[in-house]
Every structure is written in C-alpha cells, then in structure tokens.
Amino acid sequence: MCRNIKPLFNFDPPATPAEIHAASLQFVRKITGFHKPSQANEAGFEAAVEEIDRVCARLLSGLDTKSPARNREVETAKAKARSARRFRS
C-alpha cells in the first residue's frame, strides 16, 4: 500500500473531495509508476484519477459503522508518535 494514501473513512469531519482526489491521484501514480504522465498518456491518466475519485466517494458515502468517528488531530498525533518510535536514532 502506498504510504501516502491515508484512511479516509469514519472521521469527523468526513473526508473532503480534495482528500479523496489526492488519494485517487496517489493510487494512480502508484500503479502506473508515473509521477507526471507523458502527453501521450495524460488523458488516460487523468480519466483514471477521475473514475477512481468517483468510485472512492461512492464507497465512502455507502459505508456504515457503529464505532464513533475518529478525530483527525488524535490520529495525526498517533501517527507522529509511531513515526518517532520507528525512526528513533
């Protein structure tokens, strides 16, 4: 899994369209190996990003959970603590 793609489900506030688009872009970049596609591949690349964007938005809106929504600041702090432990010198 691409480390830059973050979980977007069950947060308060919910994931924004910009966050979903960024995750979609990272996914397409990961599977194609392109950071920026050539002109010949640009249309297909962008179409894939937009299609994955729509699918992800539909998925996130259709999911249901009984657990309480997670707080973004708390989750960010946990991730920073994990990173500090992992990369401790």
N, C-alpha and C. Protein backbone atom coordinates (compact mmCIF):
# COMPACT_ATOMS: atom_id res chain seq x y z
N MET A 1 0.86 -1.18 0.00
CA MET A 1 0.00 0.00 0.00
C MET A 1 0.89 1.23 0.00
N CYS A 2 0.47 2.21 -0.71
CA CYS A 2 1.22 3.46 -0.78
C CYS A 2 1.11 4.17 0.57
N ARG A 3 2.21 4.53 1.13
CA ARG A 3 2.20 5.17 2.45
C ARG A 3 1.53 6.53 2.44
N ASN A 4 1.44 7.17 1.27
CA ASN A 4 0.84 8.49 1.20
C ASN A 4 -0.68 8.45 1.17
N ILE A 5 -1.25 7.29 0.95
CA ILE A 5 -2.69 7.17 0.95
C ILE A 5 -3.14 6.89 2.38
N LYS A 6 -3.90 7.81 2.93
CA LYS A 6 -4.34 7.71 4.32
C LYS A 6 -5.78 7.21 4.37
N PRO A 7 -6.15 6.51 5.44
CA PRO A 7 -7.55 6.11 5.60
C PRO A 7 -8.44 7.35 5.62
N LEU A 8 -9.58 7.27 4.95
CA LEU A 8 -10.48 8.41 4.86
C LEU A 8 -11.85 8.14 5.48
N PHE A 9 -12.11 6.91 5.90
CA PHE A 9 -13.42 6.56 6.41
C PHE A 9 -13.52 6.78 7.92
N ASN A 10 -14.70 7.20 8.33
CA ASN A 10 -15.08 7.32 9.73
C ASN A 10 -14.30 8.40 10.47
N PHE A 11 -14.21 9.55 9.86
CA PHE A 11 -13.59 10.70 10.50
C PHE A 11 -14.63 11.79 10.69
N ASP A 12 -14.41 12.60 11.69
CA ASP A 12 -15.26 13.77 11.91
C ASP A 12 -14.35 14.99 11.88
N PRO A 13 -14.49 15.87 10.93
CA PRO A 13 -15.44 15.87 9.82
C PRO A 13 -15.07 14.84 8.76
N PRO A 14 -16.05 14.47 7.92
CA PRO A 14 -15.79 13.47 6.88
C PRO A 14 -14.73 13.94 5.89
N ALA A 15 -14.18 13.00 5.14
CA ALA A 15 -13.17 13.31 4.13
C ALA A 15 -13.74 14.32 3.12
N THR A 16 -12.90 15.25 2.75
CA THR A 16 -13.31 16.25 1.77
C THR A 16 -13.09 15.72 0.36
N PRO A 17 -13.75 16.31 -0.63
CA PRO A 17 -13.49 15.91 -2.02
C PRO A 17 -12.02 16.07 -2.39
N ALA A 18 -11.34 17.06 -1.85
CA ALA A 18 -9.92 17.26 -2.14
C ALA A 18 -9.08 16.11 -1.58
N GLU A 19 -9.43 15.61 -0.39
CA GLU A 19 -8.70 14.48 0.20
C GLU A 19 -8.93 13.21 -0.61
N ILE A 20 -10.15 13.01 -1.06
CA ILE A 20 -10.46 11.83 -1.87
C ILE A 20 -9.72 11.91 -3.20
N HIS A 21 -9.69 13.09 -3.80
CA HIS A 21 -8.97 13.27 -5.07
C HIS A 21 -7.47 13.03 -4.89
N ALA A 22 -6.90 13.53 -3.81
CA ALA A 22 -5.47 13.33 -3.56
C ALA A 22 -5.15 11.84 -3.39
N ALA A 23 -6.00 11.10 -2.69
CA ALA A 23 -5.78 9.66 -2.53
C ALA A 23 -5.91 8.95 -3.87
N SER A 24 -6.87 9.37 -4.68
CA SER A 24 -7.05 8.77 -6.01
C SER A 24 -5.83 9.03 -6.88
N LEU A 25 -5.32 10.23 -6.84
CA LEU A 25 -4.12 10.58 -7.61
C LEU A 25 -2.93 9.74 -7.15
N GLN A 26 -2.74 9.60 -5.85
CA GLN A 26 -1.64 8.80 -5.33
C GLN A 26 -1.77 7.34 -5.76
N PHE A 27 -2.99 6.82 -5.77
CA PHE A 27 -3.21 5.44 -6.17
C PHE A 27 -2.83 5.24 -7.64
N VAL A 28 -3.28 6.14 -8.50
CA VAL A 28 -2.96 6.02 -9.93
C VAL A 28 -1.46 6.19 -10.15
N ARG A 29 -0.84 7.11 -9.44
CA ARG A 29 0.61 7.26 -9.54
C ARG A 29 1.33 5.98 -9.13
N LYS A 30 0.84 5.34 -8.07
CA LYS A 30 1.48 4.13 -7.56
C LYS A 30 1.39 3.00 -8.58
N ILE A 31 0.20 2.77 -9.13
CA ILE A 31 0.04 1.61 -10.01
C ILE A 31 0.62 1.85 -11.40
N THR A 32 0.74 3.11 -11.83
CA THR A 32 1.32 3.37 -13.15
C THR A 32 2.82 3.57 -13.08
N GLY A 33 3.31 4.02 -11.93
CA GLY A 33 4.72 4.35 -11.81
C GLY A 33 5.04 5.73 -12.34
N PHE A 34 4.01 6.49 -12.73
CA PHE A 34 4.20 7.85 -13.25
C PHE A 34 3.93 8.86 -12.14
N HIS A 35 4.85 9.81 -11.97
CA HIS A 35 4.53 10.96 -11.11
C HIS A 35 3.75 11.96 -11.95
N LYS A 36 4.24 12.17 -13.15
CA LYS A 36 3.57 13.02 -14.13
C LYS A 36 3.62 12.27 -15.45
N PRO A 37 2.46 11.91 -16.03
CA PRO A 37 2.48 11.13 -17.25
C PRO A 37 2.92 11.96 -18.46
N SER A 38 3.37 11.26 -19.49
CA SER A 38 3.72 11.93 -20.74
C SER A 38 2.45 12.47 -21.38
N GLN A 39 2.60 13.33 -22.37
CA GLN A 39 1.43 13.88 -23.06
C GLN A 39 0.60 12.76 -23.68
N ALA A 40 1.27 11.73 -24.18
CA ALA A 40 0.56 10.61 -24.80
C ALA A 40 -0.32 9.86 -23.80
N ASN A 41 0.06 9.84 -22.53
CA ASN A 41 -0.67 9.10 -21.50
C ASN A 41 -1.51 9.99 -20.59
N GLU A 42 -1.42 11.28 -20.76
CA GLU A 42 -2.07 12.21 -19.82
C GLU A 42 -3.58 12.04 -19.77
N ALA A 43 -4.23 11.90 -20.91
CA ALA A 43 -5.70 11.79 -20.92
C ALA A 43 -6.15 10.53 -20.18
N GLY A 44 -5.51 9.41 -20.43
CA GLY A 44 -5.87 8.18 -19.75
C GLY A 44 -5.59 8.24 -18.26
N PHE A 45 -4.47 8.86 -17.91
CA PHE A 45 -4.09 9.02 -16.51
C PHE A 45 -5.14 9.85 -15.77
N GLU A 46 -5.50 10.99 -16.34
CA GLU A 46 -6.49 11.87 -15.70
C GLU A 46 -7.87 11.21 -15.64
N ALA A 47 -8.23 10.47 -16.70
CA ALA A 47 -9.52 9.77 -16.69
C ALA A 47 -9.55 8.73 -15.57
N ALA A 48 -8.44 8.03 -15.38
CA ALA A 48 -8.37 7.03 -14.31
C ALA A 48 -8.49 7.69 -12.94
N VAL A 49 -7.82 8.81 -12.75
CA VAL A 49 -7.90 9.53 -11.46
C VAL A 49 -9.35 9.93 -11.19
N GLU A 50 -10.02 10.48 -12.19
CA GLU A 50 -11.41 10.93 -12.00
C GLU A 50 -12.34 9.76 -11.72
N GLU A 51 -12.14 8.65 -12.42
CA GLU A 51 -13.01 7.49 -12.20
C GLU A 51 -12.79 6.91 -10.81
N ILE A 52 -11.56 6.79 -10.39
CA ILE A 52 -11.26 6.29 -9.04
C ILE A 52 -11.78 7.25 -7.99
N ASP A 53 -11.69 8.54 -8.26
CA ASP A 53 -12.23 9.56 -7.37
C ASP A 53 -13.73 9.32 -7.15
N ARG A 54 -14.48 9.12 -8.24
CA ARG A 54 -15.92 8.89 -8.12
C ARG A 54 -16.22 7.60 -7.36
N VAL A 55 -15.47 6.54 -7.67
CA VAL A 55 -15.69 5.25 -7.00
C VAL A 55 -15.41 5.37 -5.50
N CYS A 56 -14.32 6.04 -5.15
CA CYS A 56 -13.97 6.21 -3.73
C CYS A 56 -15.01 7.03 -2.99
N ALA A 57 -15.48 8.10 -3.61
CA ALA A 57 -16.51 8.93 -2.97
C ALA A 57 -17.78 8.11 -2.75
N ARG A 58 -18.16 7.32 -3.76
CA ARG A 58 -19.35 6.47 -3.62
C ARG A 58 -19.14 5.42 -2.53
N LEU A 59 -17.97 4.83 -2.49
CA LEU A 59 -17.66 3.83 -1.46
C LEU A 59 -17.76 4.44 -0.07
N LEU A 60 -17.09 5.57 0.13
CA LEU A 60 -17.08 6.20 1.46
C LEU A 60 -18.47 6.61 1.90
N SER A 61 -19.29 7.08 0.97
CA SER A 61 -20.65 7.50 1.34
C SER A 61 -21.56 6.31 1.62
N GLY A 62 -21.21 5.13 1.09
CA GLY A 62 -22.04 3.95 1.28
C GLY A 62 -21.65 3.09 2.46
N LEU A 63 -20.51 3.34 3.05
CA LEU A 63 -20.06 2.54 4.19
C LEU A 63 -20.78 2.96 5.46
N ASP A 64 -20.95 2.00 6.36
CA ASP A 64 -21.62 2.28 7.63
C ASP A 64 -20.79 1.65 8.75
N THR A 65 -20.81 2.29 9.90
CA THR A 65 -20.09 1.76 11.05
C THR A 65 -20.84 2.12 12.33
N LYS A 66 -20.65 1.29 13.33
CA LYS A 66 -21.24 1.58 14.63
C LYS A 66 -20.23 2.24 15.56
N SER A 67 -18.96 2.24 15.15
CA SER A 67 -17.94 2.84 16.01
C SER A 67 -17.97 4.36 15.88
N PRO A 68 -17.55 5.05 16.93
CA PRO A 68 -17.56 6.51 16.88
C PRO A 68 -16.53 7.02 15.87
N ALA A 69 -16.84 8.17 15.31
CA ALA A 69 -15.93 8.79 14.33
C ALA A 69 -14.62 9.14 15.00
N ARG A 70 -13.54 8.97 14.25
CA ARG A 70 -12.20 9.28 14.77
C ARG A 70 -11.91 10.77 14.60
N ASN A 71 -11.08 11.26 15.48
CA ASN A 71 -10.67 12.66 15.45
C ASN A 71 -9.37 12.77 14.66
N ARG A 72 -9.33 13.65 13.70
CA ARG A 72 -8.15 13.79 12.84
C ARG A 72 -6.90 14.18 13.62
N GLU A 73 -7.03 15.09 14.57
CA GLU A 73 -5.86 15.54 15.33
C GLU A 73 -5.29 14.41 16.18
N VAL A 74 -6.16 13.62 16.79
CA VAL A 74 -5.71 12.50 17.61
C VAL A 74 -5.00 11.47 16.74
N GLU A 75 -5.57 11.17 15.58
CA GLU A 75 -4.96 10.18 14.67
C GLU A 75 -3.61 10.69 14.14
N THR A 76 -3.51 11.99 13.87
CA THR A 76 -2.25 12.58 13.42
C THR A 76 -1.19 12.46 14.50
N ALA A 77 -1.58 12.74 15.74
CA ALA A 77 -0.64 12.64 16.86
C ALA A 77 -0.16 11.20 17.04
N LYS A 78 -1.07 10.23 16.89
CA LYS A 78 -0.68 8.82 17.00
C LYS A 78 0.31 8.45 15.89
N ALA A 79 0.05 8.92 14.67
CA ALA A 79 0.95 8.62 13.55
C ALA A 79 2.33 9.23 13.77
N LYS A 80 2.38 10.44 14.30
CA LYS A 80 3.67 11.08 14.59
C LYS A 80 4.42 10.31 15.67
N ALA A 81 3.71 9.83 16.66
CA ALA A 81 4.35 9.05 17.74
C ALA A 81 4.89 7.74 17.18
N ARG A 82 4.12 7.07 16.30
CA ARG A 82 4.61 5.83 15.69
C ARG A 82 5.84 6.10 14.85
N SER A 83 5.83 7.19 14.12
CA SER A 83 6.97 7.55 13.27
C SER A 83 8.20 7.84 14.11
N ALA A 84 8.00 8.55 15.22
CA ALA A 84 9.14 8.86 16.10
C ALA A 84 9.75 7.58 16.66
N ARG A 85 8.92 6.64 17.07
CA ARG A 85 9.44 5.36 17.57
C ARG A 85 10.14 4.58 16.47
N ARG A 86 9.59 4.61 15.28
CA ARG A 86 10.15 3.84 14.18
C ARG A 86 11.49 4.37 13.72
N PHE A 87 11.61 5.68 13.66
CA PHE A 87 12.82 6.30 13.11
C PHE A 87 13.74 6.86 14.18
N ARG A 88 13.57 6.39 15.40
CA ARG A 88 14.43 6.83 16.50
C ARG A 88 15.88 6.52 16.19
N SER A 89 16.75 7.43 16.45
CA SER A 89 18.18 7.21 16.14
C SER A 89 18.87 6.44 17.23
